Amino acid sequence: MSEAAELGVRTSFTEDRSGHTADALAEFARLAAEGRFGIPVAGTAPLEDEETARRISRSNRVRGKLLLLP
């Protein structure tokens, strides 16, 4: 089990084992910089409140990403 999984981190982006992950991420970043691609942010929370963010994420009612801020 990975360290992230042990900490309860979930992701909807899985590693592309074909070796194209870096290329895809670079393309996503380019499109985002051009304003042609966006990632919806459902909310933010301070890092200290990660337990609440995890609970919200696991509710499966979130439409977008939850960002933990330092």
PDB file of N, CA and C in Angstrom:
ATOM      1  N   MET A   1       0.854  -1.179   0.000  1.00  0.00           N
ATOM      2  CA  MET A   1       0.000   0.000   0.000  1.00  0.00           C
ATOM      3  C   MET A   1       0.895   1.236   0.000  1.00  0.00           C
ATOM      4  N   SER A   2       0.541   2.209  -0.821  1.00  0.00           N
ATOM      5  CA  SER A   2       1.352   3.419  -0.893  1.00  0.00           C
ATOM      6  C   SER A   2       1.147   4.281   0.350  1.00  0.00           C
ATOM      7  N   GLU A   3       2.096   5.164   0.602  1.00  0.00           N
ATOM      8  CA  GLU A   3       1.987   6.063   1.750  1.00  0.00           C
ATOM      9  C   GLU A   3       0.734   6.928   1.638  1.00  0.00           C
ATOM     10  N   ALA A   4       0.437   7.409   0.429  1.00  0.00           N
ATOM     11  CA  ALA A   4      -0.756   8.237   0.230  1.00  0.00           C
ATOM     12  C   ALA A   4      -2.014   7.450   0.601  1.00  0.00           C
ATOM     13  N   ALA A   5      -2.109   6.219   0.158  1.00  0.00           N
ATOM     14  CA  ALA A   5      -3.275   5.392   0.470  1.00  0.00           C
ATOM     15  C   ALA A   5      -3.367   5.134   1.969  1.00  0.00           C
ATOM     16  N   GLU A   6      -2.228   4.924   2.611  1.00  0.00           N
ATOM     17  CA  GLU A   6      -2.218   4.711   4.061  1.00  0.00           C
ATOM     18  C   GLU A   6      -2.755   5.926   4.802  1.00  0.00           C
ATOM     19  N   LEU A   7      -2.543   7.118   4.229  1.00  0.00           N
ATOM     20  CA  LEU A   7      -3.009   8.358   4.851  1.00  0.00           C
ATOM     21  C   LEU A   7      -4.443   8.690   4.459  1.00  0.00           C
ATOM     22  N   GLY A   8      -5.064   7.842   3.640  1.00  0.00           N
ATOM     23  CA  GLY A   8      -6.445   8.069   3.255  1.00  0.00           C
ATOM     24  C   GLY A   8      -6.617   8.977   2.048  1.00  0.00           C
ATOM     25  N   VAL A   9      -5.527   9.207   1.298  1.00  0.00           N
ATOM     26  CA  VAL A   9      -5.606  10.074   0.127  1.00  0.00           C
ATOM     27  C   VAL A   9      -6.222   9.294  -1.023  1.00  0.00           C
ATOM     28  N   ARG A  10      -7.197   9.921  -1.679  1.00  0.00           N
ATOM     29  CA  ARG A  10      -7.822   9.312  -2.846  1.00  0.00           C
ATOM     30  C   ARG A  10      -7.551  10.194  -4.052  1.00  0.00           C
ATOM     31  N   THR A  11      -7.512   9.580  -5.218  1.00  0.00           N
ATOM     32  CA  THR A  11      -7.302  10.331  -6.443  1.00  0.00           C
ATOM     33  C   THR A  11      -8.195   9.777  -7.534  1.00  0.00           C
ATOM     34  N   SER A  12      -8.611  10.644  -8.431  1.00  0.00           N
ATOM     35  CA  SER A  12      -9.386  10.195  -9.574  1.00  0.00           C
ATOM     36  C   SER A  12      -8.502  10.098 -10.815  1.00  0.00           C
ATOM     37  N   PHE A  13      -7.223  10.430 -10.660  1.00  0.00           N
ATOM     38  CA  PHE A  13      -6.262  10.359 -11.763  1.00  0.00           C
ATOM     39  C   PHE A  13      -5.297   9.236 -11.449  1.00  0.00           C
ATOM     40  N   THR A  14      -5.354   8.169 -12.200  1.00  0.00           N
ATOM     41  CA  THR A  14      -4.465   7.045 -11.942  1.00  0.00           C
ATOM     42  C   THR A  14      -3.275   7.097 -12.885  1.00  0.00           C
ATOM     43  N   GLU A  15      -2.213   6.500 -12.437  1.00  0.00           N
ATOM     44  CA  GLU A  15      -0.976   6.527 -13.213  1.00  0.00           C
ATOM     45  C   GLU A  15      -1.175   5.802 -14.538  1.00  0.00           C
ATOM     46  N   ASP A  16      -0.749   6.427 -15.600  1.00  0.00           N
ATOM     47  CA  ASP A  16      -0.790   5.838 -16.935  1.00  0.00           C
ATOM     48  C   ASP A  16       0.482   5.024 -17.113  1.00  0.00           C
ATOM     49  N   ARG A  17       0.371   3.746 -17.094  1.00  0.00           N
ATOM     50  CA  ARG A  17       1.549   2.879 -17.153  1.00  0.00           C
ATOM     51  C   ARG A  17       2.186   2.833 -18.543  1.00  0.00           C
ATOM     52  N   SER A  18       1.579   3.467 -19.526  1.00  0.00           N
ATOM     53  CA  SER A  18       2.137   3.442 -20.876  1.00  0.00           C
ATOM     54  C   SER A  18       3.290   4.427 -21.042  1.00  0.00           C
ATOM     55  N   GLY A  19       3.537   5.275 -20.033  1.00  0.00           N
ATOM     56  CA  GLY A  19       4.643   6.208 -20.115  1.00  0.00           C
ATOM     57  C   GLY A  19       4.264   7.568 -20.671  1.00  0.00           C
ATOM     58  N   HIS A  20       2.982   7.803 -20.931  1.00  0.00           N
ATOM     59  CA  HIS A  20       2.536   9.068 -21.506  1.00  0.00           C
ATOM     60  C   HIS A  20       2.013  10.052 -20.468  1.00  0.00           C
ATOM     61  N   THR A  21       2.100   9.711 -19.203  1.00  0.00           N
ATOM     62  CA  THR A  21       1.553  10.568 -18.155  1.00  0.00           C
ATOM     63  C   THR A  21       2.175  11.955 -18.172  1.00  0.00           C
ATOM     64  N   ALA A  22       3.475  12.051 -18.256  1.00  0.00           N
ATOM     65  CA  ALA A  22       4.145  13.357 -18.246  1.00  0.00           C
ATOM     66  C   ALA A  22       3.696  14.193 -19.436  1.00  0.00           C
ATOM     67  N   ASP A  23       3.566  13.560 -20.609  1.00  0.00           N
ATOM     68  CA  ASP A  23       3.109  14.284 -21.793  1.00  0.00           C
ATOM     69  C   ASP A  23       1.678  14.781 -21.612  1.00  0.00           C
ATOM     70  N   ALA A  24       0.825  13.950 -21.047  1.00  0.00           N
ATOM     71  CA  ALA A  24      -0.574  14.341 -20.838  1.00  0.00           C
ATOM     72  C   ALA A  24      -0.666  15.483 -19.840  1.00  0.00           C
ATOM     73  N   LEU A  25       0.094  15.414 -18.763  1.00  0.00           N
ATOM     74  CA  LEU A  25       0.063  16.484 -17.771  1.00  0.00           C
ATOM     75  C   LEU A  25       0.586  17.788 -18.351  1.00  0.00           C
ATOM     76  N   ALA A  26       1.614  17.713 -19.181  1.00  0.00           N
ATOM     77  CA  ALA A  26       2.138  18.916 -19.819  1.00  0.00           C
ATOM     78  C   ALA A  26       1.090  19.532 -20.739  1.00  0.00           C
ATOM     79  N   GLU A  27       0.367  18.697 -21.456  1.00  0.00           N
ATOM     80  CA  GLU A  27      -0.692  19.188 -22.339  1.00  0.00           C
ATOM     81  C   GLU A  27      -1.823  19.819 -21.529  1.00  0.00           C
ATOM     82  N   PHE A  28      -2.218  19.201 -20.434  1.00  0.00           N
ATOM     83  CA  PHE A  28      -3.259  19.774 -19.566  1.00  0.00           C
ATOM     84  C   PHE A  28      -2.809  21.131 -19.029  1.00  0.00           C
ATOM     85  N   ALA A  29      -1.551  21.236 -18.612  1.00  0.00           N
ATOM     86  CA  ALA A  29      -1.036  22.499 -18.079  1.00  0.00           C
ATOM     87  C   ALA A  29      -1.047  23.573 -19.158  1.00  0.00           C
ATOM     88  N   ARG A  30      -0.662  23.215 -20.385  1.00  0.00           N
ATOM     89  CA  ARG A  30      -0.665  24.177 -21.486  1.00  0.00           C
ATOM     90  C   ARG A  30      -2.085  24.667 -21.768  1.00  0.00           C
ATOM     91  N   LEU A  31      -3.046  23.750 -21.835  1.00  0.00           N
ATOM     92  CA  LEU A  31      -4.440  24.126 -22.088  1.00  0.00           C
ATOM     93  C   LEU A  31      -4.981  25.005 -20.964  1.00  0.00           C
ATOM     94  N   ALA A  32      -4.629  24.684 -19.732  1.00  0.00           N
ATOM     95  CA  ALA A  32      -5.083  25.499 -18.595  1.00  0.00           C
ATOM     96  C   ALA A  32      -4.493  26.898 -18.681  1.00  0.00           C
ATOM     97  N   ALA A  33      -3.215  27.006 -19.032  1.00  0.00           N
ATOM     98  CA  ALA A  33      -2.560  28.308 -19.142  1.00  0.00           C
ATOM     99  C   ALA A  33      -3.197  29.148 -20.242  1.00  0.00           C
ATOM    100  N   GLU A  34      -3.692  28.499 -21.275  1.00  0.00           N
ATOM    101  CA  GLU A  34      -4.363  29.192 -22.375  1.00  0.00           C
ATOM    102  C   GLU A  34      -5.830  29.492 -22.059  1.00  0.00           C
ATOM    103  N   GLY A  35      -6.294  29.033 -20.906  1.00  0.00           N
ATOM    104  CA  GLY A  35      -7.688  29.256 -20.537  1.00  0.00           C
ATOM    105  C   GLY A  35      -8.657  28.326 -21.245  1.00  0.00           C
ATOM    106  N   ARG A  36      -8.158  27.250 -21.820  1.00  0.00           N
ATOM    107  CA  ARG A  36      -8.999  26.316 -22.563  1.00  0.00           C
ATOM    108  C   ARG A  36      -9.340  25.073 -21.763  1.00  0.00           C
ATOM    109  N   PHE A  37      -8.793  24.962 -20.584  1.00  0.00           N
ATOM    110  CA  PHE A  37      -9.008  23.780 -19.753  1.00  0.00           C
ATOM    111  C   PHE A  37      -9.009  24.238 -18.314  1.00  0.00           C
ATOM    112  N   GLY A  38      -9.965  23.818 -17.558  1.00  0.00           N
ATOM    113  CA  GLY A  38     -10.011  24.222 -16.162  1.00  0.00           C
ATOM    114  C   GLY A  38     -10.313  23.052 -15.249  1.00  0.00           C
ATOM    115  N   ILE A  39      -9.955  23.209 -14.029  1.00  0.00           N
ATOM    116  CA  ILE A  39     -10.237  22.195 -13.022  1.00  0.00           C
ATOM    117  C   ILE A  39     -11.160  22.836 -11.995  1.00  0.00           C
ATOM    118  N   PRO A  40     -12.380  22.329 -11.860  1.00  0.00           N
ATOM    119  CA  PRO A  40     -13.302  22.933 -10.901  1.00  0.00           C
ATOM    120  C   PRO A  40     -12.832  22.705  -9.464  1.00  0.00           C
ATOM    121  N   VAL A  41     -12.850  23.771  -8.689  1.00  0.00           N
ATOM    122  CA  VAL A  41     -12.459  23.699  -7.288  1.00  0.00           C
ATOM    123  C   VAL A  41     -13.737  23.802  -6.452  1.00  0.00           C
ATOM    124  N   ALA A  42     -14.031  22.755  -5.706  1.00  0.00           N
ATOM    125  CA  ALA A  42     -15.231  22.724  -4.879  1.00  0.00           C
ATOM    126  C   ALA A  42     -15.047  23.521  -3.603  1.00  0.00           C
ATOM    127  N   GLY A  43     -13.815  23.585  -3.122  1.00  0.00           N
ATOM    128  CA  GLY A  43     -13.568  24.325  -1.899  1.00  0.00           C
ATOM    129  C   GLY A  43     -12.131  24.229  -1.450  1.00  0.00           C
ATOM    130  N   THR A  44     -11.813  25.036  -0.458  1.00  0.00           N
ATOM    131  CA  THR A  44     -10.478  25.025   0.134  1.00  0.00           C
ATOM    132  C   THR A  44     -10.614  24.901   1.648  1.00  0.00           C
ATOM    133  N   ALA A  45      -9.566  24.410   2.260  1.00  0.00           N
ATOM    134  CA  ALA A  45      -9.533  24.279   3.714  1.00  0.00           C
ATOM    135  C   ALA A  45      -8.086  24.381   4.164  1.00  0.00           C
ATOM    136  N   PRO A  46      -7.864  24.859   5.384  1.00  0.00           N
ATOM    137  CA  PRO A  46      -6.490  24.867   5.891  1.00  0.00           C
ATOM    138  C   PRO A  46      -6.007  23.433   6.098  1.00  0.00           C
ATOM    139  N   LEU A  47      -4.722  23.228   5.933  1.00  0.00           N
ATOM    140  CA  LEU A  47      -4.132  21.904   6.072  1.00  0.00           C
ATOM    141  C   LEU A  47      -4.507  21.262   7.411  1.00  0.00           C
ATOM    142  N   GLU A  48      -4.607  22.080   8.437  1.00  0.00           N
ATOM    143  CA  GLU A  48      -4.945  21.562   9.761  1.00  0.00           C
ATOM    144  C   GLU A  48      -6.346  20.934   9.793  1.00  0.00           C
ATOM    145  N   ASP A  49      -7.180  21.252   8.807  1.00  0.00           N
ATOM    146  CA  ASP A  49      -8.551  20.756   8.758  1.00  0.00           C
ATOM    147  C   ASP A  49      -8.698  19.612   7.761  1.00  0.00           C
ATOM    148  N   GLU A  50      -7.609  18.873   7.545  1.00  0.00           N
ATOM    149  CA  GLU A  50      -7.630  17.809   6.547  1.00  0.00           C
ATOM    150  C   GLU A  50      -8.647  16.724   6.863  1.00  0.00           C
ATOM    151  N   GLU A  51      -8.917  16.487   8.121  1.00  0.00           N
ATOM    152  CA  GLU A  51      -9.888  15.448   8.468  1.00  0.00           C
ATOM    153  C   GLU A  51     -11.281  15.802   7.951  1.00  0.00           C
ATOM    154  N   THR A  52     -11.657  17.062   8.075  1.00  0.00           N
ATOM    155  CA  THR A  52     -12.948  17.501   7.557  1.00  0.00           C
ATOM    156  C   THR A  52     -12.971  17.388   6.039  1.00  0.00           C
ATOM    157  N   ALA A  53     -11.892  17.792   5.381  1.00  0.00           N
ATOM    158  CA  ALA A  53     -11.813  17.689   3.924  1.00  0.00           C
ATOM    159  C   ALA A  53     -11.919  16.235   3.483  1.00  0.00           C
ATOM    160  N   ARG A  54     -11.281  15.340   4.202  1.00  0.00           N
ATOM    161  CA  ARG A  54     -11.362  13.911   3.874  1.00  0.00           C
ATOM    162  C   ARG A  54     -12.790  13.403   4.012  1.00  0.00           C
ATOM    163  N   ARG A  55     -13.465  13.824   5.066  1.00  0.00           N
ATOM    164  CA  ARG A  55     -14.853  13.398   5.289  1.00  0.00           C
ATOM    165  C   ARG A  55     -15.753  13.918   4.150  1.00  0.00           C
ATOM    166  N   ILE A  56     -15.547  15.169   3.757  1.00  0.00           N
ATOM    167  CA  ILE A  56     -16.333  15.740   2.660  1.00  0.00           C
ATOM    168  C   ILE A  56     -16.054  14.969   1.369  1.00  0.00           C
ATOM    169  N   SER A  57     -14.795  14.680   1.098  1.00  0.00           N
ATOM    170  CA  SER A  57     -14.422  13.948  -0.109  1.00  0.00           C
ATOM    171  C   SER A  57     -15.075  12.574  -0.147  1.00  0.00           C
ATOM    172  N   ARG A  58     -15.069  11.896   0.961  1.00  0.00           N
ATOM    173  CA  ARG A  58     -15.644  10.548   1.022  1.00  0.00           C
ATOM    174  C   ARG A  58     -17.165  10.538   0.931  1.00  0.00           C
ATOM    175  N   SER A  59     -17.793  11.695   1.080  1.00  0.00           N
ATOM    176  CA  SER A  59     -19.248  11.754   0.988  1.00  0.00           C
ATOM    177  C   SER A  59     -19.722  11.570  -0.455  1.00  0.00           C
ATOM    178  N   ASN A  60     -18.803  11.703  -1.403  1.00  0.00           N
ATOM    179  CA  ASN A  60     -19.112  11.592  -2.833  1.00  0.00           C
ATOM    180  C   ASN A  60     -20.143  12.610  -3.300  1.00  0.00           C
ATOM    181  N   ARG A  61     -20.245  13.723  -2.602  1.00  0.00           N
ATOM    182  CA  ARG A  61     -21.159  14.792  -2.996  1.00  0.00           C
ATOM    183  C   ARG A  61     -20.416  16.000  -3.543  1.00  0.00           C
ATOM    184  N   VAL A  62     -19.120  15.901  -3.634  1.00  0.00           N
ATOM    185  CA  VAL A  62     -18.283  17.025  -4.062  1.00  0.00           C
ATOM    186  C   VAL A  62     -18.201  17.042  -5.582  1.00  0.00           C
ATOM    187  N   ARG A  63     -18.392  18.197  -6.162  1.00  0.00           N
ATOM    188  CA  ARG A  63     -18.242  18.381  -7.606  1.00  0.00           C
ATOM    189  C   ARG A  63     -17.051  19.299  -7.839  1.00  0.00           C
ATOM    190  N   GLY A  64     -15.881  18.719  -7.909  1.00  0.00           N
ATOM    191  CA  GLY A  64     -14.647  19.475  -8.071  1.00  0.00           C
ATOM    192  C   GLY A  64     -13.621  19.016  -7.053  1.00  0.00           C
ATOM    193  N   LYS A  65     -12.508  19.686  -7.049  1.00  0.00           N
ATOM    194  CA  LYS A  65     -11.395  19.312  -6.165  1.00  0.00           C
ATOM    195  C   LYS A  65     -11.459  20.077  -4.862  1.00  0.00           C
ATOM    196  N   LEU A  66     -11.033  19.420  -3.817  1.00  0.00           N
ATOM    197  CA  LEU A  66     -10.870  20.072  -2.514  1.00  0.00           C
ATOM    198  C   LEU A  66      -9.377  20.342  -2.339  1.00  0.00           C
ATOM    199  N   LEU A  67      -9.032  21.580  -2.080  1.00  0.00           N
ATOM    200  CA  LEU A  67      -7.632  21.963  -1.939  1.00  0.00           C
ATOM    201  C   LEU A  67      -7.301  22.234  -0.487  1.00  0.00           C
ATOM    202  N   LEU A  68      -6.222  21.626  -0.008  1.00  0.00           N
ATOM    203  CA  LEU A  68      -5.724  21.895   1.336  1.00  0.00           C
ATOM    204  C   LEU A  68      -4.624  22.949   1.211  1.00  0.00           C
ATOM    205  N   LEU A  69      -4.767  24.018   1.959  1.00  0.00           N
ATOM    206  CA  LEU A  69      -3.837  25.135   1.891  1.00  0.00           C
ATOM    207  C   LEU A  69      -2.940  25.172   3.108  1.00  0.00           C
ATOM    208  N   PRO A  70      -1.652  25.544   2.913  1.00  0.00           N
ATOM    209  CA  PRO A  70      -0.724  25.609   4.051  1.00  0.00           C
ATOM    210  C   PRO A  70      -1.116  26.696   5.042  1.00  0.00           C
TER     211      PRO A  70
END
